[in-house]
């Protein structure tokens, strides 16, 4: 993040707010900016390395397996999750301007039907398909074919798996923390999002 004396900000927690509009209807409206003139923004790759590589920390013995992950696929597939995280930074490198926290309650639909993104607290530079994955996690949880909605973005398959690994680890670690000052429901939503990201990954890899 801007300023050499600061650690990169962590990827934001999932807030408790919800909207009635399903994210799958928004995917084709999301577009990345190819060459944004924002030299002060951090890269998504550095955020992944610094703040979203929790499976790697657990595999190295520097962090315990979170209680929120005990009954998921994570304990049985920890080495694979760590490897996916470690390969992700090179795959998300890019000049696209990212929202960084794209979820359904950060999208407003105006009267003309256009989608407008709000709450730009965590912008960064990277591959725009990563934002689309974060938006589609709730689509997967709703039983929709998230991979079909993601396909027009033509993301690298290992990048999709790496993104789901990194997101699941981040959210499940956060969900295992104490009460949040952001919302009394934020830990519940973090756990839900982490479990769904890991379930989508498990579905893709046949775990």
Protein backbone atom coordinates (compact mmCIF):
# COMPACT_ATOMS: atom_id res chain seq x y z
CA UNK A 1 0.00 0.00 0.00
CA UNK A 2 1.11 3.61 -0.37
CA UNK A 3 3.86 4.59 1.97
CA UNK A 4 6.89 2.43 2.65
CA UNK A 5 6.37 2.60 6.42
CA UNK A 6 3.03 0.83 6.29
CA UNK A 7 2.19 -2.84 5.90
CA UNK A 8 -0.32 -3.58 3.15
CA UNK A 9 -3.87 -3.36 4.41
CA UNK A 10 -5.55 -6.73 4.75
CA UNK A 11 -8.24 -7.71 2.33
CA UNK A 12 -11.54 -6.45 3.82
CA UNK A 13 -13.83 -8.64 5.86
CA UNK A 14 -17.18 -9.58 4.46
CA UNK A 15 -19.75 -7.19 5.90
CA UNK A 16 -23.18 -8.22 7.05
CA UNK A 17 -25.14 -6.23 4.49
CA UNK A 18 -27.02 -8.04 1.73
CA UNK A 19 -28.99 -6.93 -1.33
CA UNK A 20 -31.71 -8.63 -3.27
CA UNK A 21 -29.96 -8.40 -6.63
CA UNK A 22 -28.06 -11.57 -7.48
CA UNK A 23 -24.39 -11.13 -8.42
CA UNK A 24 -24.69 -13.34 -11.49
CA UNK A 25 -26.76 -10.61 -13.16
CA UNK A 26 -23.90 -8.14 -12.65
CA UNK A 27 -20.93 -10.10 -13.95
CA UNK A 28 -21.10 -9.04 -17.57
CA UNK A 29 -21.32 -5.38 -16.51
CA UNK A 30 -18.08 -5.46 -14.56
CA UNK A 31 -15.14 -4.12 -16.54
CA UNK A 32 -11.56 -3.50 -15.52
CA UNK A 33 -9.63 -0.40 -16.49
CA UNK A 34 -6.74 -1.45 -18.71
CA UNK A 35 -4.33 1.39 -17.92
CA UNK A 36 -5.39 3.35 -14.83
CA UNK A 37 -3.36 6.39 -13.94
CA UNK A 38 -3.02 5.51 -10.27
CA UNK A 39 0.68 4.90 -9.54
CA UNK A 40 0.11 4.98 -5.78
CA UNK A 41 -2.14 1.94 -5.69
CA UNK A 42 -0.69 -1.34 -4.42
CA UNK A 43 -0.63 -4.41 -6.60
CA UNK A 44 -2.96 -7.30 -5.90
CA UNK A 45 0.07 -9.57 -6.16
CA UNK A 46 1.77 -7.92 -3.18
CA UNK A 47 -1.46 -8.09 -1.16
CA UNK A 48 -1.67 -11.82 -1.88
CA UNK A 49 1.93 -12.34 -0.75
CA UNK A 50 1.64 -10.20 2.37
CA UNK A 51 -1.90 -10.71 3.63
CA UNK A 52 -3.63 -13.58 1.84
CA UNK A 53 -1.29 -16.56 2.08
CA UNK A 54 -2.60 -18.11 5.26
CA UNK A 55 -2.56 -21.72 4.08
CA UNK A 56 1.14 -21.30 3.41
CA UNK A 57 1.66 -19.97 6.94
CA UNK A 58 -0.25 -22.94 8.38
CA UNK A 59 1.66 -25.45 6.23
CA UNK A 60 4.94 -23.95 7.44
CA UNK A 61 3.87 -24.32 11.08
CA UNK A 62 3.75 -20.59 11.73
CA UNK A 63 -0.02 -20.51 12.26
CA UNK A 64 -2.47 -23.12 13.59
CA UNK A 65 -5.27 -24.52 11.49
CA UNK A 66 -8.28 -22.30 12.31
CA UNK A 67 -11.15 -23.99 14.09
CA UNK A 68 -13.45 -22.73 11.35
CA UNK A 69 -11.59 -24.96 8.86
CA UNK A 70 -11.52 -28.19 10.88
CA UNK A 71 -14.56 -29.67 9.16
CA UNK A 72 -13.68 -28.52 5.64
CA UNK A 73 -11.42 -29.93 2.94
CA UNK A 74 -8.53 -27.81 4.22
CA UNK A 75 -6.81 -30.26 6.62
CA UNK A 76 -6.69 -33.01 3.99
CA UNK A 77 -5.50 -30.70 1.20
CA UNK A 78 -3.28 -28.22 3.02
CA UNK A 79 -0.16 -28.73 0.83
CA UNK A 80 -2.23 -28.17 -2.31
CA UNK A 81 -3.87 -25.06 -0.87
CA UNK A 82 -0.48 -23.63 0.06
CA UNK A 83 0.92 -24.37 -3.42
CA UNK A 84 -2.05 -22.67 -5.07
CA UNK A 85 -1.55 -19.56 -2.93
CA UNK A 86 2.14 -19.42 -3.74
CA UNK A 87 1.56 -19.57 -7.49
CA UNK A 88 -1.19 -16.93 -7.43
CA UNK A 89 0.75 -13.62 -7.34
CA UNK A 90 2.26 -14.14 -10.78
CA UNK A 91 -1.17 -15.00 -12.20
CA UNK A 92 -2.98 -11.92 -10.85
CA UNK A 93 -0.36 -9.42 -11.94
CA UNK A 94 -1.81 -6.80 -14.24
CA UNK A 95 -2.67 -3.11 -14.78
CA UNK A 96 -6.42 -3.36 -14.27
CA UNK A 97 -7.93 -1.18 -11.55
CA UNK A 98 -9.52 -3.50 -9.01
CA UNK A 99 -12.31 -2.73 -6.58
CA UNK A 100 -10.73 -5.12 -4.08
CA UNK A 101 -13.95 -5.89 -2.18
CA UNK A 102 -16.49 -6.65 -4.88
CA UNK A 103 -19.55 -8.26 -3.35
CA UNK A 104 -23.27 -7.83 -3.85
CA UNK A 105 -23.75 -5.14 -1.21
CA UNK A 106 -21.08 -3.01 -2.90
CA UNK A 107 -23.04 -2.86 -6.16
CA UNK A 108 -25.90 -0.42 -6.75
CA UNK A 109 -28.31 -0.73 -9.68
CA UNK A 110 -29.55 2.63 -10.94
CA UNK A 111 -32.92 3.27 -12.57
CA UNK A 112 -31.51 2.64 -16.02
CA UNK A 113 -30.31 -0.81 -14.96
CA UNK A 114 -26.62 0.13 -14.91
CA UNK A 115 -24.45 -1.31 -12.16
CA UNK A 116 -22.41 1.16 -10.12
CA UNK A 117 -19.68 0.02 -7.73
CA UNK A 118 -19.49 1.71 -4.34
CA UNK A 119 -17.30 1.62 -1.22
CA UNK A 120 -13.92 1.91 -2.91
CA UNK A 121 -11.93 1.40 0.28
CA UNK A 122 -9.48 -1.22 -1.05
CA UNK A 123 -8.52 -0.37 -4.66
CA UNK A 124 -5.48 -2.07 -6.13
CA UNK A 125 -4.01 -3.06 -9.50
CA UNK A 126 -4.27 -6.55 -10.93
CA UNK A 127 -6.23 -8.95 -13.13
CA UNK A 128 -9.93 -7.93 -13.13
CA UNK A 129 -11.15 -11.54 -13.16
CA UNK A 130 -10.14 -11.73 -9.48
CA UNK A 131 -12.84 -9.18 -8.60
CA UNK A 132 -15.32 -11.27 -10.56
CA UNK A 133 -14.47 -14.36 -8.52
CA UNK A 134 -15.16 -12.55 -5.26
CA UNK A 135 -18.53 -11.44 -6.63
CA UNK A 136 -19.43 -14.94 -7.83
CA UNK A 137 -18.84 -16.74 -4.54
CA UNK A 138 -22.39 -15.93 -3.47
CA UNK A 139 -23.60 -17.11 -6.89
CA UNK A 140 -21.95 -20.46 -6.28
CA UNK A 141 -23.50 -20.59 -2.82
CA UNK A 142 -26.91 -20.04 -4.41
CA UNK A 143 -26.50 -23.07 -6.67
CA UNK A 144 -25.69 -21.21 -9.89
CA UNK A 145 -22.96 -22.26 -12.31
CA UNK A 146 -20.32 -19.77 -11.19
CA UNK A 147 -17.73 -21.16 -13.59
CA UNK A 148 -20.03 -20.51 -16.54
CA UNK A 149 -20.46 -16.86 -15.50
CA UNK A 150 -16.71 -16.54 -15.00
CA UNK A 151 -15.78 -18.11 -18.35
CA UNK A 152 -16.12 -14.92 -20.49
CA UNK A 153 -13.27 -13.40 -18.50
CA UNK A 154 -11.00 -16.24 -19.67
CA UNK A 155 -9.06 -16.51 -16.41
CA UNK A 156 -6.26 -19.07 -16.09
CA UNK A 157 -7.66 -22.16 -14.35
CA UNK A 158 -4.83 -22.22 -11.81
CA UNK A 159 -5.50 -18.55 -11.14
CA UNK A 160 -9.14 -19.25 -10.33
CA UNK A 161 -8.14 -22.09 -8.00
CA UNK A 162 -5.45 -19.97 -6.42
CA UNK A 163 -7.87 -17.10 -5.84
CA UNK A 164 -10.38 -19.41 -4.18
CA UNK A 165 -7.64 -20.90 -2.03
CA UNK A 166 -6.36 -17.50 -0.92
CA UNK A 167 -9.83 -16.10 -0.26
CA UNK A 168 -10.94 -19.17 1.70
CA UNK A 169 -7.86 -19.08 3.90
CA UNK A 170 -8.17 -15.38 4.57
CA UNK A 171 -11.86 -15.54 5.44
CA UNK A 172 -11.67 -18.67 7.58
CA UNK A 173 -8.75 -17.24 9.57
CA UNK A 174 -10.66 -14.00 10.11
CA UNK A 175 -13.80 -15.90 11.08
CA UNK A 176 -11.87 -17.65 13.84
CA UNK A 177 -11.04 -14.32 15.49
CA UNK A 178 -12.83 -12.62 18.33
CA UNK A 179 -15.84 -10.33 18.02
CA UNK A 180 -15.53 -7.75 15.29
CA UNK A 181 -16.05 -4.03 15.80
CA UNK A 182 -17.34 -3.76 12.23
CA UNK A 183 -20.52 -5.78 12.72
CA UNK A 184 -21.81 -8.42 15.13
CA UNK A 185 -22.48 -10.61 12.09
CA UNK A 186 -19.18 -10.16 10.24
CA UNK A 187 -17.55 -13.33 11.61
CA UNK A 188 -20.58 -15.35 10.49
CA UNK A 189 -20.33 -13.92 6.98
CA UNK A 190 -16.58 -14.44 6.86
CA UNK A 191 -17.06 -18.08 7.76
CA UNK A 192 -19.82 -18.50 5.20
CA UNK A 193 -17.73 -16.88 2.47
CA UNK A 194 -14.64 -18.91 3.37
CA UNK A 195 -16.57 -22.16 3.39
CA UNK A 196 -18.20 -21.36 0.04
CA UNK A 197 -14.92 -20.36 -1.58
CA UNK A 198 -13.39 -23.63 -0.40
CA UNK A 199 -16.47 -25.60 -1.55
CA UNK A 200 -16.23 -24.03 -5.02
CA UNK A 201 -12.53 -24.91 -5.14
CA UNK A 202 -13.25 -28.47 -3.99
CA UNK A 203 -15.89 -28.79 -6.70
CA UNK A 204 -13.45 -27.61 -9.36
CA UNK A 205 -10.67 -29.96 -8.24
CA UNK A 206 -12.78 -32.98 -7.38
CA UNK A 207 -11.84 -33.08 -3.70
